[in-house]
Amino acid sequence: IVTLGFENIEWVVVIHNSSREYQDSIRELLSGYENVKIYILNNDYHTPSSPRNYALDYASGDYVGFLDGDDKYTPECIRTALNDIIDTNSDICAFRREIELEADSHLILNEKVLWDQTQERIVVNKHNWDDKKIFNVIWGMVTSKLYRREFLNVNNLRFDEEIFFAEDFALNVKAYGLAENICLLPQLIGYVYFVNSASLVQSVNLSNEKLIAYAQGFKKIFDTGLSFGFNMNDVMHNLLTHEAILILSSTVITPQTRNKIREIL
């Protein structure tokens, strides 16, 4: 299998809100690799947004990808995606994911794509746009993509640290609206998403403040997509369903919060 090689990739590792023992173990594991940069970030945020933004400030490569701590790339992913994003002069290159379950009892979202899987790659832009094919299940995930770093920087594309859920959707909908070319790789399964118990743990009894914050974040995503003229029906359906489930599951929600969410959305 052809691979770019670990030593030929700049790895920017951000250890976020972790114990000293964990920090020391990561440093010990990765010491000796000149191509690995390790940074410690402690703050009041508990989503991936701030460590990803922090990493982007230190990244120096021409292209960047986002790898969560318990996931992995397939061996051919980086080289293939890099070749295609360069060859097609694209700002974004999107590929497919596969799921690895810790337990058979875990349920996952549908990962089906609507791309023509008989093609090795598809380049889309404003002249051949198809919302139904672009905005399918995995479009919002930043982990299944490479980005041209200059494109992110010139357009000040960073994660909104005030969005508590679907923060990668918020970045991607703006990125898709600004990109000149987007390269889709229907045959490349490049990212392995490991689903464990920790991945699934999210309180469904959120505070009133957090329920409102979720709604505000979703509104930002909808407004951004609509400002670019995208058909946001499926995106709205998925995220509003999530908000509805949180509302139904809450034992603390007040009538005032319900009205506030209704006004927002």
C-alpha atoms as a PDB file:
ATOM      1  CA  ILE A   1       0.000   0.000   0.000  1.00  0.00           C
ATOM      2  CA  VAL A   2       1.401   3.403  -0.981  1.00  0.00           C
ATOM      3  CA  THR A   3       1.692   5.849   1.889  1.00  0.00           C
ATOM      4  CA  LEU A   4       3.131   9.299   2.323  1.00  0.00           C
ATOM      5  CA  GLY A   5       5.061   8.172   5.384  1.00  0.00           C
ATOM      6  CA  PHE A   6       4.680   9.304   8.992  1.00  0.00           C
ATOM      7  CA  GLU A   7       8.001  11.117   8.898  1.00  0.00           C
ATOM      8  CA  ASN A   8       6.945  13.198   5.868  1.00  0.00           C
ATOM      9  CA  ILE A   9       3.899  14.686   7.607  1.00  0.00           C
ATOM     10  CA  GLU A  10       3.908  17.606  10.034  1.00  0.00           C
ATOM     11  CA  TRP A  11       1.896  16.451  13.053  1.00  0.00           C
ATOM     12  CA  VAL A  12       0.510  19.212  15.268  1.00  0.00           C
ATOM     13  CA  VAL A  13      -0.709  17.590  18.483  1.00  0.00           C
ATOM     14  CA  VAL A  14      -2.799  19.673  20.883  1.00  0.00           C
ATOM     15  CA  ILE A  15      -3.379  18.151  24.303  1.00  0.00           C
ATOM     16  CA  HIS A  16      -6.538  19.847  25.504  1.00  0.00           C
ATOM     17  CA  ASN A  17      -7.709  20.117  29.117  1.00  0.00           C
ATOM     18  CA  SER A  18      -5.839  16.977  30.160  1.00  0.00           C
ATOM     19  CA  SER A  19      -4.059  15.879  33.315  1.00  0.00           C
ATOM     20  CA  ARG A  20      -0.322  16.304  33.783  1.00  0.00           C
ATOM     21  CA  GLU A  21       0.079  12.526  33.726  1.00  0.00           C
ATOM     22  CA  TYR A  22      -1.602  12.319  30.329  1.00  0.00           C
ATOM     23  CA  GLN A  23       0.499  15.173  28.979  1.00  0.00           C
ATOM     24  CA  ASP A  24       3.690  13.449  30.150  1.00  0.00           C
ATOM     25  CA  SER A  25       2.678  10.137  28.580  1.00  0.00           C
ATOM     26  CA  ILE A  26       2.029  11.792  25.212  1.00  0.00           C
ATOM     27  CA  ARG A  27       5.355  13.619  25.337  1.00  0.00           C
ATOM     28  CA  GLU A  28       7.133  10.361  26.143  1.00  0.00           C
ATOM     29  CA  LEU A  29       5.350   8.516  23.347  1.00  0.00           C
ATOM     30  CA  LEU A  30       6.161  11.128  20.705  1.00  0.00           C
ATOM     31  CA  SER A  31       9.583  12.306  21.852  1.00  0.00           C
ATOM     32  CA  GLY A  32      12.287  11.902  19.240  1.00  0.00           C
ATOM     33  CA  TYR A  33      10.100  12.793  16.253  1.00  0.00           C
ATOM     34  CA  GLU A  34      11.250  16.101  14.791  1.00  0.00           C
ATOM     35  CA  ASN A  35       8.118  16.332  12.662  1.00  0.00           C
ATOM     36  CA  VAL A  36       5.777  16.219  15.686  1.00  0.00           C
ATOM     37  CA  LYS A  37       4.861  19.462  17.464  1.00  0.00           C
ATOM     38  CA  ILE A  38       3.169  19.131  20.847  1.00  0.00           C
ATOM     39  CA  TYR A  39       1.189  21.935  22.467  1.00  0.00           C
ATOM     40  CA  ILE A  40      -0.744  22.128  25.722  1.00  0.00           C
ATOM     41  CA  LEU A  41      -4.037  24.019  25.790  1.00  0.00           C
ATOM     42  CA  ASN A  42      -6.143  24.521  28.913  1.00  0.00           C
ATOM     43  CA  ASN A  43      -9.285  26.625  28.766  1.00  0.00           C
ATOM     44  CA  ASP A  44     -12.994  26.627  29.565  1.00  0.00           C
ATOM     45  CA  TYR A  45     -14.063  25.143  26.231  1.00  0.00           C
ATOM     46  CA  HIS A  46     -14.966  21.477  25.965  1.00  0.00           C
ATOM     47  CA  THR A  47     -15.447  20.953  22.242  1.00  0.00           C
ATOM     48  CA  PRO A  48     -12.853  20.227  19.534  1.00  0.00           C
ATOM     49  CA  SER A  49     -13.069  23.797  18.213  1.00  0.00           C
ATOM     50  CA  SER A  50     -10.439  25.544  20.315  1.00  0.00           C
ATOM     51  CA  PRO A  51      -7.710  22.871  20.015  1.00  0.00           C
ATOM     52  CA  ARG A  52      -8.299  22.692  16.264  1.00  0.00           C
ATOM     53  CA  ASN A  53      -8.017  26.477  15.977  1.00  0.00           C
ATOM     54  CA  TYR A  54      -4.901  26.391  18.129  1.00  0.00           C
ATOM     55  CA  ALA A  55      -3.351  23.758  15.895  1.00  0.00           C
ATOM     56  CA  LEU A  56      -4.134  25.761  12.753  1.00  0.00           C
ATOM     57  CA  ASP A  57      -2.172  28.705  14.150  1.00  0.00           C
ATOM     58  CA  TYR A  58       0.940  26.509  14.385  1.00  0.00           C
ATOM     59  CA  ALA A  59       0.550  24.413  11.236  1.00  0.00           C
ATOM     60  CA  SER A  60       3.003  25.271   8.468  1.00  0.00           C
ATOM     61  CA  GLY A  61       2.145  22.692   5.781  1.00  0.00           C
ATOM     62  CA  ASP A  62       0.443  23.667   2.534  1.00  0.00           C
ATOM     63  CA  TYR A  63      -2.478  21.329   3.297  1.00  0.00           C
ATOM     64  CA  VAL A  64      -4.116  20.354   6.577  1.00  0.00           C
ATOM     65  CA  GLY A  65      -6.382  17.601   7.858  1.00  0.00           C
ATOM     66  CA  PHE A  66      -7.986  16.975  11.242  1.00  0.00           C
ATOM     67  CA  LEU A  67      -7.431  13.680  13.043  1.00  0.00           C
ATOM     68  CA  ASP A  68      -9.183  12.955  16.340  1.00  0.00           C
ATOM     69  CA  GLY A  69      -7.167  11.234  19.032  1.00  0.00           C
ATOM     70  CA  ASP A  70      -8.874   7.836  18.850  1.00  0.00           C
ATOM     71  CA  ASP A  71      -9.230   7.619  15.061  1.00  0.00           C
ATOM     72  CA  LYS A  72      -6.810   6.948  12.209  1.00  0.00           C
ATOM     73  CA  TYR A  73      -6.167   7.448   8.516  1.00  0.00           C
ATOM     74  CA  THR A  74      -5.992   4.488   6.187  1.00  0.00           C
ATOM     75  CA  PRO A  75      -2.461   3.971   4.796  1.00  0.00           C
ATOM     76  CA  GLU A  76      -3.229   5.339   1.339  1.00  0.00           C
ATOM     77  CA  CYS A  77      -5.364   8.295   2.468  1.00  0.00           C
ATOM     78  CA  ILE A  78      -2.993  11.231   2.792  1.00  0.00           C
ATOM     79  CA  ARG A  79      -0.960  10.581  -0.356  1.00  0.00           C
ATOM     80  CA  THR A  80      -4.062   9.957  -2.492  1.00  0.00           C
ATOM     81  CA  ALA A  81      -5.989  12.972  -1.189  1.00  0.00           C
ATOM     82  CA  LEU A  82      -2.910  15.186  -1.458  1.00  0.00           C
ATOM     83  CA  ASN A  83      -2.272  14.172  -5.061  1.00  0.00           C
ATOM     84  CA  ASP A  84      -5.885  14.820  -6.017  1.00  0.00           C
ATOM     85  CA  ILE A  85      -6.296  18.160  -4.244  1.00  0.00           C
ATOM     86  CA  ILE A  86      -3.135  19.420  -5.966  1.00  0.00           C
ATOM     87  CA  ASP A  87      -3.956  17.904  -9.364  1.00  0.00           C
ATOM     88  CA  THR A  88      -7.458  19.433  -9.415  1.00  0.00           C
ATOM     89  CA  ASN A  89      -6.392  22.777  -7.928  1.00  0.00           C
ATOM     90  CA  SER A  90      -9.043  22.350  -5.243  1.00  0.00           C
ATOM     91  CA  ASP A  91      -9.442  24.117  -1.914  1.00  0.00           C
ATOM     92  CA  ILE A  92     -11.066  21.060  -0.298  1.00  0.00           C
ATOM     93  CA  CYS A  93     -10.718  17.348  -0.938  1.00  0.00           C
ATOM     94  CA  ALA A  94     -13.377  15.084   0.588  1.00  0.00           C
ATOM     95  CA  PHE A  95     -13.193  11.313   0.950  1.00  0.00           C
ATOM     96  CA  ARG A  96     -15.191   8.586   2.655  1.00  0.00           C
ATOM     97  CA  ARG A  97     -15.040   7.171   6.176  1.00  0.00           C
ATOM     98  CA  GLU A  98     -15.421   3.742   7.645  1.00  0.00           C
ATOM     99  CA  ILE A  99     -16.641   2.897  11.108  1.00  0.00           C
ATOM    100  CA  GLU A 100     -14.902   0.729  13.663  1.00  0.00           C
ATOM    101  CA  LEU A 101     -17.106  -0.222  16.605  1.00  0.00           C
ATOM    102  CA  GLU A 102     -15.906  -0.909  20.115  1.00  0.00           C
ATOM    103  CA  ALA A 103     -19.043  -2.971  20.714  1.00  0.00           C
ATOM    104  CA  ASP A 104     -21.640  -4.452  18.366  1.00  0.00           C
ATOM    105  CA  SER A 105     -24.383  -2.848  20.427  1.00  0.00           C
ATOM    106  CA  HIS A 106     -23.318   0.660  19.413  1.00  0.00           C
ATOM    107  CA  LEU A 107     -25.516   2.347  16.835  1.00  0.00           C
ATOM    108  CA  ILE A 108     -24.111   4.772  14.274  1.00  0.00           C
ATOM    109  CA  LEU A 109     -25.391   7.333  11.833  1.00  0.00           C
ATOM    110  CA  ASN A 110     -25.823   6.414   8.201  1.00  0.00           C
ATOM    111  CA  GLU A 111     -22.570   7.018   6.286  1.00  0.00           C
ATOM    112  CA  LYS A 112     -24.065   6.531   2.819  1.00  0.00           C
ATOM    113  CA  VAL A 113     -22.803   8.913   0.137  1.00  0.00           C
ATOM    114  CA  LEU A 114     -24.654   9.904  -3.016  1.00  0.00           C
ATOM    115  CA  TRP A 115     -21.538  10.436  -5.123  1.00  0.00           C
ATOM    116  CA  ASP A 116     -21.095   8.397  -8.307  1.00  0.00           C
ATOM    117  CA  GLN A 117     -18.879   5.641  -6.947  1.00  0.00           C
ATOM    118  CA  THR A 118     -17.883   4.472 -10.443  1.00  0.00           C
ATOM    119  CA  GLN A 119     -15.664   7.563 -10.665  1.00  0.00           C
ATOM    120  CA  GLU A 120     -12.311   7.949  -8.947  1.00  0.00           C
ATOM    121  CA  ARG A 121     -12.844  11.651  -8.431  1.00  0.00           C
ATOM    122  CA  ILE A 122     -15.432  14.336  -9.038  1.00  0.00           C
ATOM    123  CA  VAL A 123     -14.659  18.057  -9.070  1.00  0.00           C
ATOM    124  CA  VAL A 124     -17.536  20.358  -8.167  1.00  0.00           C
ATOM    125  CA  ASN A 125     -17.784  24.131  -8.196  1.00  0.00           C
ATOM    126  CA  LYS A 126     -20.394  26.824  -8.731  1.00  0.00           C
ATOM    127  CA  HIS A 127     -20.881  25.696 -12.343  1.00  0.00           C
ATOM    128  CA  ASN A 128     -21.873  22.084 -11.600  1.00  0.00           C
ATOM    129  CA  TRP A 129     -23.205  22.262  -8.064  1.00  0.00           C
ATOM    130  CA  ASP A 130     -25.661  19.651  -6.791  1.00  0.00           C
ATOM    131  CA  ASP A 131     -26.842  20.245  -3.220  1.00  0.00           C
ATOM    132  CA  LYS A 132     -28.388  16.811  -2.855  1.00  0.00           C
ATOM    133  CA  LYS A 133     -25.091  15.122  -3.632  1.00  0.00           C
ATOM    134  CA  ILE A 134     -22.910  17.598  -1.775  1.00  0.00           C
ATOM    135  CA  PHE A 135     -24.899  17.919   1.434  1.00  0.00           C
ATOM    136  CA  ASN A 136     -25.328  14.261   2.306  1.00  0.00           C
ATOM    137  CA  VAL A 137     -24.519  12.672   5.645  1.00  0.00           C
ATOM    138  CA  ILE A 138     -20.750  13.122   5.843  1.00  0.00           C
ATOM    139  CA  TRP A 139     -20.407  16.557   4.233  1.00  0.00           C
ATOM    140  CA  GLY A 140     -20.094  18.362   7.563  1.00  0.00           C
ATOM    141  CA  MET A 141     -17.309  16.225   9.031  1.00  0.00           C
ATOM    142  CA  VAL A 142     -13.926  17.954   8.855  1.00  0.00           C
ATOM    143  CA  THR A 143     -12.101  14.699   9.597  1.00  0.00           C
ATOM    144  CA  SER A 144     -12.885  13.243   6.158  1.00  0.00           C
ATOM    145  CA  LYS A 145     -11.226  16.079   4.262  1.00  0.00           C
ATOM    146  CA  LEU A 146      -8.002  17.860   3.386  1.00  0.00           C
ATOM    147  CA  TYR A 147      -7.967  21.659   3.104  1.00  0.00           C
ATOM    148  CA  ARG A 148      -5.568  24.053   1.433  1.00  0.00           C
ATOM    149  CA  ARG A 149      -4.185  25.974   4.396  1.00  0.00           C
ATOM    150  CA  GLU A 150      -3.864  29.271   2.516  1.00  0.00           C
ATOM    151  CA  PHE A 151      -7.559  29.013   1.599  1.00  0.00           C
ATOM    152  CA  LEU A 152      -8.467  28.665   5.285  1.00  0.00           C
ATOM    153  CA  ASN A 153      -6.224  31.543   6.332  1.00  0.00           C
ATOM    154  CA  VAL A 154      -7.138  34.019   3.584  1.00  0.00           C
ATOM    155  CA  ASN A 155     -10.832  33.539   4.334  1.00  0.00           C
ATOM    156  CA  ASN A 156     -10.289  33.498   8.116  1.00  0.00           C
ATOM    157  CA  LEU A 157     -11.950  30.102   8.311  1.00  0.00           C
ATOM    158  CA  ARG A 158     -11.806  28.924  11.881  1.00  0.00           C
ATOM    159  CA  PHE A 159     -14.108  26.926  14.163  1.00  0.00           C
ATOM    160  CA  ASP A 160     -16.705  28.930  16.080  1.00  0.00           C
ATOM    161  CA  GLU A 161     -15.895  28.187  19.715  1.00  0.00           C
ATOM    162  CA  GLU A 162     -19.367  29.317  20.820  1.00  0.00           C
ATOM    163  CA  ILE A 163     -21.053  26.499  18.875  1.00  0.00           C
ATOM    164  CA  PHE A 164     -21.361  23.435  21.083  1.00  0.00           C
ATOM    165  CA  PHE A 165     -22.572  20.873  18.547  1.00  0.00           C
ATOM    166  CA  ALA A 166     -21.926  20.503  14.790  1.00  0.00           C
ATOM    167  CA  GLU A 167     -19.117  23.050  14.978  1.00  0.00           C
ATOM    168  CA  ASP A 168     -17.473  21.368  11.998  1.00  0.00           C
ATOM    169  CA  PHE A 169     -20.702  21.812  10.003  1.00  0.00           C
ATOM    170  CA  ALA A 170     -20.474  25.547  10.709  1.00  0.00           C
ATOM    171  CA  LEU A 171     -16.955  25.744   9.308  1.00  0.00           C
ATOM    172  CA  ASN A 172     -17.684  23.541   6.305  1.00  0.00           C
ATOM    173  CA  VAL A 173     -20.815  25.293   5.119  1.00  0.00           C
ATOM    174  CA  LYS A 174     -18.826  28.539   4.898  1.00  0.00           C
ATOM    175  CA  ALA A 175     -15.835  26.770   3.343  1.00  0.00           C
ATOM    176  CA  TYR A 176     -18.038  25.138   0.708  1.00  0.00           C
ATOM    177  CA  GLY A 177     -19.536  28.524  -0.115  1.00  0.00           C
ATOM    178  CA  LEU A 178     -16.124  30.138  -0.612  1.00  0.00           C
ATOM    179  CA  ALA A 179     -14.223  27.309  -2.310  1.00  0.00           C
ATOM    180  CA  GLU A 180     -13.388  27.596  -5.994  1.00  0.00           C
ATOM    181  CA  ASN A 181     -13.131  23.815  -6.468  1.00  0.00           C
ATOM    182  CA  ILE A 182     -14.014  20.872  -4.242  1.00  0.00           C
ATOM    183  CA  CYS A 183     -12.626  17.441  -5.093  1.00  0.00           C
ATOM    184  CA  LEU A 184     -14.710  14.413  -4.081  1.00  0.00           C
ATOM    185  CA  LEU A 185     -13.096  10.960  -3.948  1.00  0.00           C
ATOM    186  CA  PRO A 186     -15.955   8.405  -4.068  1.00  0.00           C
ATOM    187  CA  GLN A 187     -13.671   5.351  -3.992  1.00  0.00           C
ATOM    188  CA  LEU A 188     -11.274   6.431  -1.244  1.00  0.00           C
ATOM    189  CA  ILE A 189     -12.153   5.252   2.249  1.00  0.00           C
ATOM    190  CA  GLY A 190      -9.564   7.342   4.000  1.00  0.00           C
ATOM    191  CA  TYR A 191     -10.654   7.878   7.590  1.00  0.00           C
ATOM    192  CA  VAL A 192     -11.425   5.292  10.259  1.00  0.00           C
ATOM    193  CA  TYR A 193     -13.856   6.588  12.870  1.00  0.00           C
ATOM    194  CA  PHE A 194     -13.623   4.554  16.053  1.00  0.00           C
ATOM    195  CA  VAL A 195     -16.914   4.533  17.968  1.00  0.00           C
ATOM    196  CA  ASN A 196     -16.432   3.814  21.664  1.00  0.00           C
ATOM    197  CA  SER A 197     -18.463   4.571  24.743  1.00  0.00           C
ATOM    198  CA  ALA A 198     -16.740   7.920  25.212  1.00  0.00           C
ATOM    199  CA  SER A 199     -17.686   8.928  21.662  1.00  0.00           C
ATOM    200  CA  LEU A 200     -21.345   8.404  22.477  1.00  0.00           C
ATOM    201  CA  VAL A 201     -21.497  10.017  25.895  1.00  0.00           C
ATOM    202  CA  GLN A 202     -23.380  13.264  25.693  1.00  0.00           C
ATOM    203  CA  SER A 203     -25.811  14.432  28.305  1.00  0.00           C
ATOM    204  CA  VAL A 204     -29.353  14.507  27.000  1.00  0.00           C
ATOM    205  CA  ASN A 205     -30.492  16.498  30.023  1.00  0.00           C
ATOM    206  CA  LEU A 206     -28.859  19.769  29.103  1.00  0.00           C
ATOM    207  CA  SER A 207     -29.311  23.007  30.993  1.00  0.00           C
ATOM    208  CA  ASN A 208     -31.661  25.645  29.662  1.00  0.00           C
ATOM    209  CA  GLU A 209     -28.678  27.799  28.745  1.00  0.00           C
ATOM    210  CA  LYS A 210     -27.061  24.970  26.752  1.00  0.00           C
ATOM    211  CA  LEU A 211     -30.310  24.158  24.921  1.00  0.00           C
ATOM    212  CA  ILE A 212     -30.551  27.782  23.837  1.00  0.00           C
ATOM    213  CA  ALA A 213     -26.872  27.787  22.829  1.00  0.00           C
ATOM    214  CA  TYR A 214     -27.432  24.717  20.645  1.00  0.00           C
ATOM    215  CA  ALA A 215     -30.302  26.480  18.872  1.00  0.00           C
ATOM    216  CA  GLN A 216     -28.208  29.611  18.363  1.00  0.00           C
ATOM    217  CA  GLY A 217     -25.403  27.530  16.872  1.00  0.00           C
ATOM    218  CA  PHE A 218     -27.771  25.766  14.495  1.00  0.00           C
ATOM    219  CA  LYS A 219     -29.200  29.114  13.384  1.00  0.00           C
ATOM    220  CA  LYS A 220     -25.676  30.275  12.494  1.00  0.00           C
ATOM    221  CA  ILE A 221     -25.238  27.196  10.299  1.00  0.00           C
ATOM    222  CA  PHE A 222     -28.598  27.684   8.580  1.00  0.00           C
ATOM    223  CA  ASP A 223     -28.064  31.412   8.006  1.00  0.00           C
ATOM    224  CA  THR A 224     -24.603  30.840   6.531  1.00  0.00           C
ATOM    225  CA  GLY A 225     -25.816  28.166   4.123  1.00  0.00           C
ATOM    226  CA  LEU A 226     -28.819  30.207   3.037  1.00  0.00           C
ATOM    227  CA  SER A 227     -26.612  33.262   2.477  1.00  0.00           C
ATOM    228  CA  PHE A 228     -24.720  31.231  -0.154  1.00  0.00           C
ATOM    229  CA  GLY A 229     -27.965  30.047  -1.747  1.00  0.00           C
ATOM    230  CA  PHE A 230     -27.576  26.426  -0.658  1.00  0.00           C
ATOM    231  CA  ASN A 231     -30.548  24.098  -0.324  1.00  0.00           C
ATOM    232  CA  MET A 232     -30.347  23.471   3.426  1.00  0.00           C
ATOM    233  CA  ASN A 233     -33.454  21.291   3.796  1.00  0.00           C
ATOM    234  CA  ASP A 234     -31.678  18.059   4.742  1.00  0.00           C
ATOM    235  CA  VAL A 235     -29.187  19.853   6.995  1.00  0.00           C
ATOM    236  CA  MET A 236     -32.013  21.645   8.791  1.00  0.00           C
ATOM    237  CA  HIS A 237     -33.964  18.414   9.148  1.00  0.00           C
ATOM    238  CA  ASN A 238     -31.062  16.593  10.779  1.00  0.00           C
ATOM    239  CA  LEU A 239     -30.040  19.345  13.194  1.00  0.00           C
ATOM    240  CA  LEU A 240     -33.589  20.345  14.152  1.00  0.00           C
ATOM    241  CA  THR A 241     -34.350  16.696  14.880  1.00  0.00           C
ATOM    242  CA  HIS A 242     -31.352  16.660  17.213  1.00  0.00           C
ATOM    243  CA  GLU A 243     -32.612  19.796  18.978  1.00  0.00           C
ATOM    244  CA  ALA A 244     -36.082  18.288  19.282  1.00  0.00           C
ATOM    245  CA  ILE A 245     -34.698  15.133  20.900  1.00  0.00           C
ATOM    246  CA  LEU A 246     -32.756  17.227  23.418  1.00  0.00           C
ATOM    247  CA  ILE A 247     -35.876  19.234  24.256  1.00  0.00           C
ATOM    248  CA  LEU A 248     -37.992  16.086  24.693  1.00  0.00           C
ATOM    249  CA  SER A 249     -35.309  14.492  26.870  1.00  0.00           C
ATOM    250  CA  SER A 250     -34.872  17.463  29.159  1.00  0.00           C
ATOM    251  CA  THR A 251     -36.321  17.378  32.661  1.00  0.00           C
ATOM    252  CA  VAL A 252     -35.297  20.964  33.428  1.00  0.00           C
ATOM    253  CA  ILE A 253     -36.472  22.889  30.394  1.00  0.00           C
ATOM    254  CA  THR A 254     -38.770  25.824  31.194  1.00  0.00           C
ATOM    255  CA  PRO A 255     -41.588  27.309  29.115  1.00  0.00           C
ATOM    256  CA  GLN A 256     -39.443  30.428  28.704  1.00  0.00           C
ATOM    257  CA  THR A 257     -36.660  28.358  27.146  1.00  0.00           C
ATOM    258  CA  ARG A 258     -39.089  26.655  24.784  1.00  0.00           C
ATOM    259  CA  ASN A 259     -40.331  30.053  23.620  1.00  0.00           C
ATOM    260  CA  LYS A 260     -36.787  31.351  23.233  1.00  0.00           C
ATOM    261  CA  ILE A 261     -35.776  28.379  21.080  1.00  0.00           C
ATOM    262  CA  ARG A 262     -38.924  28.825  19.001  1.00  0.00           C
ATOM    263  CA  GLU A 263     -38.016  32.490  18.409  1.00  0.00           C
ATOM    264  CA  ILE A 264     -34.453  31.600  17.412  1.00  0.00           C
ATOM    265  CA  LEU A 265     -35.368  28.831  14.983  1.00  0.00           C
END
